[in-house]
Amino acid sequence: MIRTFVQKDLQYVIEAHIRIYRNEYNYDHSFAEFITNGARRLYQSVGFEVKGVRKQMLSGQELTEEQWELVL
């Protein structure tokens, strides 16, 4: 079972991307800044919507195709 995403997971995702791309492609700190800023913007823009979709799922409401994409 996949657990629910929590705020502290965001930092792990950011650090993992930075580490993988630094090791495999020798990317520097500018890539780290790019990933950090992008991931935080994505979380801010989608995070609230995902929470609303999960509430719909728990209440038994049907979801649209776009809403399912947010959950997956």
PDB file of N, CA and C in Angstrom:
ATOM      1  N   MET A   1       0.846  -1.180   0.000  1.00  0.00           N
ATOM      2  CA  MET A   1       0.000   0.000   0.000  1.00  0.00           C
ATOM      3  C   MET A   1       0.893   1.244   0.000  1.00  0.00           C
ATOM      4  N   ILE A   2       0.551   2.202  -0.817  1.00  0.00           N
ATOM      5  CA  ILE A   2       1.279   3.464  -0.868  1.00  0.00           C
ATOM      6  C   ILE A   2       0.639   4.405   0.136  1.00  0.00           C
ATOM      7  N   ARG A   3       1.472   4.970   0.985  1.00  0.00           N
ATOM      8  CA  ARG A   3       0.933   5.866   2.008  1.00  0.00           C
ATOM      9  C   ARG A   3       0.677   7.251   1.427  1.00  0.00           C
ATOM     10  N   THR A   4      -0.059   8.038   2.153  1.00  0.00           N
ATOM     11  CA  THR A   4      -0.406   9.393   1.743  1.00  0.00           C
ATOM     12  C   THR A   4       0.826  10.286   1.784  1.00  0.00           C
ATOM     13  N   PHE A   5       0.978  11.113   0.770  1.00  0.00           N
ATOM     14  CA  PHE A   5       2.073  12.072   0.703  1.00  0.00           C
ATOM     15  C   PHE A   5       1.922  13.084   1.826  1.00  0.00           C
ATOM     16  N   VAL A   6       3.030  13.366   2.509  1.00  0.00           N
ATOM     17  CA  VAL A   6       3.046  14.388   3.553  1.00  0.00           C
ATOM     18  C   VAL A   6       4.107  15.423   3.212  1.00  0.00           C
ATOM     19  N   GLN A   7       4.014  16.592   3.802  1.00  0.00           N
ATOM     20  CA  GLN A   7       4.900  17.718   3.493  1.00  0.00           C
ATOM     21  C   GLN A   7       6.376  17.338   3.568  1.00  0.00           C
ATOM     22  N   LYS A   8       6.791  16.576   4.582  1.00  0.00           N
ATOM     23  CA  LYS A   8       8.210  16.255   4.718  1.00  0.00           C
ATOM     24  C   LYS A   8       8.718  15.368   3.576  1.00  0.00           C
ATOM     25  N   ASP A   9       7.835  14.687   2.864  1.00  0.00           N
ATOM     26  CA  ASP A   9       8.247  13.890   1.710  1.00  0.00           C
ATOM     27  C   ASP A   9       8.811  14.764   0.598  1.00  0.00           C
ATOM     28  N   LEU A  10       8.344  15.991   0.532  1.00  0.00           N
ATOM     29  CA  LEU A  10       8.794  16.897  -0.520  1.00  0.00           C
ATOM     30  C   LEU A  10      10.306  17.090  -0.457  1.00  0.00           C
ATOM     31  N   GLN A  11      10.845  17.272   0.731  1.00  0.00           N
ATOM     32  CA  GLN A  11      12.287  17.458   0.875  1.00  0.00           C
ATOM     33  C   GLN A  11      13.047  16.210   0.423  1.00  0.00           C
ATOM     34  N   TYR A  12      12.515  15.035   0.742  1.00  0.00           N
ATOM     35  CA  TYR A  12      13.167  13.792   0.305  1.00  0.00           C
ATOM     36  C   TYR A  12      13.182  13.692  -1.219  1.00  0.00           C
ATOM     37  N   VAL A  13      12.075  14.017  -1.847  1.00  0.00           N
ATOM     38  CA  VAL A  13      11.988  13.960  -3.315  1.00  0.00           C
ATOM     39  C   VAL A  13      12.999  14.917  -3.937  1.00  0.00           C
ATOM     40  N   ILE A  14      13.087  16.111  -3.389  1.00  0.00           N
ATOM     41  CA  ILE A  14      14.039  17.100  -3.895  1.00  0.00           C
ATOM     42  C   ILE A  14      15.466  16.584  -3.739  1.00  0.00           C
ATOM     43  N   GLU A  15      15.814  16.111  -2.565  1.00  0.00           N
ATOM     44  CA  GLU A  15      17.171  15.629  -2.315  1.00  0.00           C
ATOM     45  C   GLU A  15      17.525  14.427  -3.178  1.00  0.00           C
ATOM     46  N   ALA A  16      16.578  13.533  -3.382  1.00  0.00           N
ATOM     47  CA  ALA A  16      16.825  12.365  -4.223  1.00  0.00           C
ATOM     48  C   ALA A  16      17.094  12.777  -5.671  1.00  0.00           C
ATOM     49  N   HIS A  17      16.311  13.697  -6.201  1.00  0.00           N
ATOM     50  CA  HIS A  17      16.538  14.184  -7.572  1.00  0.00           C
ATOM     51  C   HIS A  17      17.927  14.812  -7.705  1.00  0.00           C
ATOM     52  N   ILE A  18      18.267  15.642  -6.754  1.00  0.00           N
ATOM     53  CA  ILE A  18      19.569  16.308  -6.793  1.00  0.00           C
ATOM     54  C   ILE A  18      20.695  15.278  -6.753  1.00  0.00           C
ATOM     55  N   ARG A  19      20.605  14.325  -5.833  1.00  0.00           N
ATOM     56  CA  ARG A  19      21.639  13.305  -5.687  1.00  0.00           C
ATOM     57  C   ARG A  19      21.774  12.441  -6.943  1.00  0.00           C
ATOM     58  N   ILE A  20      20.659  11.985  -7.488  1.00  0.00           N
ATOM     59  CA  ILE A  20      20.690  11.115  -8.666  1.00  0.00           C
ATOM     60  C   ILE A  20      21.281  11.844  -9.862  1.00  0.00           C
ATOM     61  N   TYR A  21      20.813  13.049 -10.129  1.00  0.00           N
ATOM     62  CA  TYR A  21      21.305  13.781 -11.297  1.00  0.00           C
ATOM     63  C   TYR A  21      22.752  14.256 -11.118  1.00  0.00           C
ATOM     64  N   ARG A  22      23.159  14.533  -9.886  1.00  0.00           N
ATOM     65  CA  ARG A  22      24.555  14.906  -9.644  1.00  0.00           C
ATOM     66  C   ARG A  22      25.454  13.696  -9.913  1.00  0.00           C
ATOM     67  N   ASN A  23      25.055  12.516  -9.413  1.00  0.00           N
ATOM     68  CA  ASN A  23      25.860  11.312  -9.586  1.00  0.00           C
ATOM     69  C   ASN A  23      25.881  10.817 -11.030  1.00  0.00           C
ATOM     70  N   GLU A  24      24.743  10.841 -11.706  1.00  0.00           N
ATOM     71  CA  GLU A  24      24.667  10.277 -13.050  1.00  0.00           C
ATOM     72  C   GLU A  24      25.067  11.248 -14.153  1.00  0.00           C
ATOM     73  N   TYR A  25      24.798  12.538 -13.962  1.00  0.00           N
ATOM     74  CA  TYR A  25      25.031  13.507 -15.037  1.00  0.00           C
ATOM     75  C   TYR A  25      25.976  14.641 -14.639  1.00  0.00           C
ATOM     76  N   ASN A  26      26.489  14.595 -13.407  1.00  0.00           N
ATOM     77  CA  ASN A  26      27.423  15.608 -12.917  1.00  0.00           C
ATOM     78  C   ASN A  26      26.823  17.017 -12.924  1.00  0.00           C
ATOM     79  N   TYR A  27      25.524  17.120 -12.627  1.00  0.00           N
ATOM     80  CA  TYR A  27      24.881  18.429 -12.568  1.00  0.00           C
ATOM     81  C   TYR A  27      25.356  19.181 -11.332  1.00  0.00           C
ATOM     82  N   ASP A  28      25.420  20.491 -11.419  1.00  0.00           N
ATOM     83  CA  ASP A  28      25.923  21.301 -10.309  1.00  0.00           C
ATOM     84  C   ASP A  28      24.783  21.902  -9.479  1.00  0.00           C
ATOM     85  N   HIS A  29      25.154  22.859  -8.620  1.00  0.00           N
ATOM     86  CA  HIS A  29      24.183  23.460  -7.697  1.00  0.00           C
ATOM     87  C   HIS A  29      23.053  24.212  -8.410  1.00  0.00           C
ATOM     88  N   SER A  30      23.268  24.651  -9.645  1.00  0.00           N
ATOM     89  CA  SER A  30      22.195  25.355 -10.358  1.00  0.00           C
ATOM     90  C   SER A  30      21.020  24.411 -10.632  1.00  0.00           C
ATOM     91  N   PHE A  31      21.309  23.132 -10.862  1.00  0.00           N
ATOM     92  CA  PHE A  31      20.237  22.156 -11.049  1.00  0.00           C
ATOM     93  C   PHE A  31      19.495  21.954  -9.730  1.00  0.00           C
ATOM     94  N   ALA A  32      20.226  21.949  -8.629  1.00  0.00           N
ATOM     95  CA  ALA A  32      19.596  21.798  -7.314  1.00  0.00           C
ATOM     96  C   ALA A  32      18.604  22.927  -7.069  1.00  0.00           C
ATOM     97  N   GLU A  33      18.986  24.144  -7.410  1.00  0.00           N
ATOM     98  CA  GLU A  33      18.081  25.286  -7.254  1.00  0.00           C
ATOM     99  C   GLU A  33      16.855  25.136  -8.154  1.00  0.00           C
ATOM    100  N   PHE A  34      17.088  24.699  -9.385  1.00  0.00           N
ATOM    101  CA  PHE A  34      15.991  24.500 -10.345  1.00  0.00           C
ATOM    102  C   PHE A  34      14.984  23.481  -9.811  1.00  0.00           C
ATOM    103  N   ILE A  35      15.477  22.343  -9.331  1.00  0.00           N
ATOM    104  CA  ILE A  35      14.600  21.290  -8.814  1.00  0.00           C
ATOM    105  C   ILE A  35      13.869  21.752  -7.558  1.00  0.00           C
ATOM    106  N   THR A  36      14.579  22.391  -6.661  1.00  0.00           N
ATOM    107  CA  THR A  36      13.965  22.861  -5.419  1.00  0.00           C
ATOM    108  C   THR A  36      12.829  23.837  -5.706  1.00  0.00           C
ATOM    109  N   ASN A  37      13.090  24.812  -6.535  1.00  0.00           N
ATOM    110  CA  ASN A  37      12.056  25.811  -6.862  1.00  0.00           C
ATOM    111  C   ASN A  37      10.881  25.178  -7.598  1.00  0.00           C
ATOM    112  N   GLY A  38      11.164  24.317  -8.565  1.00  0.00           N
ATOM    113  CA  GLY A  38      10.099  23.678  -9.335  1.00  0.00           C
ATOM    114  C   GLY A  38       9.230  22.767  -8.488  1.00  0.00           C
ATOM    115  N   ALA A  39       9.865  21.968  -7.645  1.00  0.00           N
ATOM    116  CA  ALA A  39       9.105  21.040  -6.801  1.00  0.00           C
ATOM    117  C   ALA A  39       8.221  21.790  -5.809  1.00  0.00           C
ATOM    118  N   ARG A  40       8.746  22.853  -5.253  1.00  0.00           N
ATOM    119  CA  ARG A  40       7.946  23.634  -4.293  1.00  0.00           C
ATOM    120  C   ARG A  40       6.767  24.331  -4.979  1.00  0.00           C
ATOM    121  N   ARG A  41       6.991  24.861  -6.179  1.00  0.00           N
ATOM    122  CA  ARG A  41       5.884  25.488  -6.920  1.00  0.00           C
ATOM    123  C   ARG A  41       4.820  24.460  -7.275  1.00  0.00           C
ATOM    124  N   LEU A  42       5.257  23.279  -7.697  1.00  0.00           N
ATOM    125  CA  LEU A  42       4.306  22.224  -8.042  1.00  0.00           C
ATOM    126  C   LEU A  42       3.485  21.819  -6.822  1.00  0.00           C
ATOM    127  N   TYR A  43       4.157  21.628  -5.692  1.00  0.00           N
ATOM    128  CA  TYR A  43       3.436  21.249  -4.480  1.00  0.00           C
ATOM    129  C   TYR A  43       2.421  22.314  -4.078  1.00  0.00           C
ATOM    130  N   GLN A  44       2.819  23.575  -4.174  1.00  0.00           N
ATOM    131  CA  GLN A  44       1.913  24.663  -3.800  1.00  0.00           C
ATOM    132  C   GLN A  44       0.720  24.741  -4.735  1.00  0.00           C
ATOM    133  N   SER A  45       0.929  24.515  -6.011  1.00  0.00           N
ATOM    134  CA  SER A  45      -0.173  24.660  -6.961  1.00  0.00           C
ATOM    135  C   SER A  45      -1.085  23.445  -6.991  1.00  0.00           C
ATOM    136  N   VAL A  46      -0.543  22.259  -6.752  1.00  0.00           N
ATOM    137  CA  VAL A  46      -1.340  21.041  -6.868  1.00  0.00           C
ATOM    138  C   VAL A  46      -1.720  20.480  -5.501  1.00  0.00           C
ATOM    139  N   GLY A  47      -0.933  20.757  -4.493  1.00  0.00           N
ATOM    140  CA  GLY A  47      -1.149  20.163  -3.183  1.00  0.00           C
ATOM    141  C   GLY A  47      -2.544  20.330  -2.638  1.00  0.00           C
ATOM    142  N   PHE A  48      -3.071  21.512  -2.721  1.00  0.00           N
ATOM    143  CA  PHE A  48      -4.415  21.762  -2.195  1.00  0.00           C
ATOM    144  C   PHE A  48      -5.472  21.029  -3.004  1.00  0.00           C
ATOM    145  N   GLU A  49      -5.269  20.970  -4.306  1.00  0.00           N
ATOM    146  CA  GLU A  49      -6.241  20.291  -5.157  1.00  0.00           C
ATOM    147  C   GLU A  49      -6.253  18.792  -4.873  1.00  0.00           C
ATOM    148  N   VAL A  50      -5.084  18.203  -4.665  1.00  0.00           N
ATOM    149  CA  VAL A  50      -5.000  16.773  -4.368  1.00  0.00           C
ATOM    150  C   VAL A  50      -5.725  16.453  -3.068  1.00  0.00           C
ATOM    151  N   LYS A  51      -5.581  17.297  -2.071  1.00  0.00           N
ATOM    152  CA  LYS A  51      -6.275  17.065  -0.805  1.00  0.00           C
ATOM    153  C   LYS A  51      -7.781  17.057  -1.013  1.00  0.00           C
ATOM    154  N   GLY A  52      -8.288  17.964  -1.834  1.00  0.00           N
ATOM    155  CA  GLY A  52      -9.715  18.005  -2.118  1.00  0.00           C
ATOM    156  C   GLY A  52     -10.195  16.759  -2.840  1.00  0.00           C
ATOM    157  N   VAL A  53      -9.375  16.266  -3.773  1.00  0.00           N
ATOM    158  CA  VAL A  53      -9.728  15.050  -4.512  1.00  0.00           C
ATOM    159  C   VAL A  53      -9.763  13.850  -3.571  1.00  0.00           C
ATOM    160  N   ARG A  54      -8.825  13.769  -2.665  1.00  0.00           N
ATOM    161  CA  ARG A  54      -8.816  12.648  -1.712  1.00  0.00           C
ATOM    162  C   ARG A  54     -10.057  12.669  -0.836  1.00  0.00           C
ATOM    163  N   LYS A  55     -10.483  13.859  -0.442  1.00  0.00           N
ATOM    164  CA  LYS A  55     -11.709  13.963   0.351  1.00  0.00           C
ATOM    165  C   LYS A  55     -12.900  13.450  -0.454  1.00  0.00           C
ATOM    166  N   GLN A  56     -12.930  13.780  -1.744  1.00  0.00           N
ATOM    167  CA  GLN A  56     -14.003  13.279  -2.608  1.00  0.00           C
ATOM    168  C   GLN A  56     -13.982  11.761  -2.659  1.00  0.00           C
ATOM    169  N   MET A  57     -12.786  11.182  -2.804  1.00  0.00           N
ATOM    170  CA  MET A  57     -12.668   9.727  -2.874  1.00  0.00           C
ATOM    171  C   MET A  57     -13.192   9.084  -1.599  1.00  0.00           C
ATOM    172  N   LEU A  58     -12.807   9.638  -0.451  1.00  0.00           N
ATOM    173  CA  LEU A  58     -13.215   9.068   0.826  1.00  0.00           C
ATOM    174  C   LEU A  58     -14.718   9.173   1.040  1.00  0.00           C
ATOM    175  N   SER A  59     -15.321  10.194   0.452  1.00  0.00           N
ATOM    176  CA  SER A  59     -16.765  10.361   0.617  1.00  0.00           C
ATOM    177  C   SER A  59     -17.558   9.539  -0.393  1.00  0.00           C
ATOM    178  N   GLY A  60     -16.842   8.861  -1.308  1.00  0.00           N
ATOM    179  CA  GLY A  60     -17.518   8.009  -2.279  1.00  0.00           C
ATOM    180  C   GLY A  60     -17.964   8.715  -3.541  1.00  0.00           C
ATOM    181  N   GLN A  61     -17.590   9.954  -3.726  1.00  0.00           N
ATOM    182  CA  GLN A  61     -17.970  10.691  -4.933  1.00  0.00           C
ATOM    183  C   GLN A  61     -17.149  10.218  -6.128  1.00  0.00           C
ATOM    184  N   GLU A  62     -17.737  10.273  -7.300  1.00  0.00           N
ATOM    185  CA  GLU A  62     -17.018   9.897  -8.515  1.00  0.00           C
ATOM    186  C   GLU A  62     -16.029  10.993  -8.887  1.00  0.00           C
ATOM    187  N   LEU A  63     -14.908  10.580  -9.499  1.00  0.00           N
ATOM    188  CA  LEU A  63     -13.875  11.517  -9.905  1.00  0.00           C
ATOM    189  C   LEU A  63     -13.826  11.633 -11.423  1.00  0.00           C
ATOM    190  N   THR A  64     -13.420  12.807 -11.891  1.00  0.00           N
ATOM    191  CA  THR A  64     -13.200  13.000 -13.318  1.00  0.00           C
ATOM    192  C   THR A  64     -11.846  12.402 -13.686  1.00  0.00           C
ATOM    193  N   GLU A  65     -11.579  12.277 -14.978  1.00  0.00           N
ATOM    194  CA  GLU A  65     -10.295  11.750 -15.437  1.00  0.00           C
ATOM    195  C   GLU A  65      -9.140  12.629 -14.953  1.00  0.00           C
ATOM    196  N   GLU A  66      -9.318  13.951 -14.978  1.00  0.00           N
ATOM    197  CA  GLU A  66      -8.266  14.862 -14.516  1.00  0.00           C
ATOM    198  C   GLU A  66      -7.980  14.671 -13.029  1.00  0.00           C
ATOM    199  N   GLN A  67      -9.031  14.430 -12.252  1.00  0.00           N
ATOM    200  CA  GLN A  67      -8.850  14.217 -10.827  1.00  0.00           C
ATOM    201  C   GLN A  67      -8.105  12.911 -10.556  1.00  0.00           C
ATOM    202  N   TRP A  68      -8.392  11.884 -11.337  1.00  0.00           N
ATOM    203  CA  TRP A  68      -7.678  10.607 -11.167  1.00  0.00           C
ATOM    204  C   TRP A  68      -6.198  10.799 -11.460  1.00  0.00           C
ATOM    205  N   GLU A  69      -5.869  11.631 -12.441  1.00  0.00           N
ATOM    206  CA  GLU A  69      -4.461  11.873 -12.765  1.00  0.00           C
ATOM    207  C   GLU A  69      -3.742  12.526 -11.599  1.00  0.00           C
ATOM    208  N   LEU A  70      -4.418  13.375 -10.844  1.00  0.00           N
ATOM    209  CA  LEU A  70      -3.812  14.008  -9.674  1.00  0.00           C
ATOM    210  C   LEU A  70      -3.500  12.984  -8.600  1.00  0.00           C
ATOM    211  N   VAL A  71      -4.354  11.988  -8.460  1.00  0.00           N
ATOM    212  CA  VAL A  71      -4.200  10.994  -7.418  1.00  0.00           C
ATOM    213  C   VAL A  71      -3.098  10.008  -7.777  1.00  0.00           C
ATOM    214  N   LEU A  72      -2.982   9.678  -9.034  1.00  0.00           N
ATOM    215  CA  LEU A  72      -1.999   8.664  -9.453  1.00  0.00           C
ATOM    216  C   LEU A  72      -0.655   9.222  -9.503  1.00  0.00           C
TER     217      LEU A  72
END
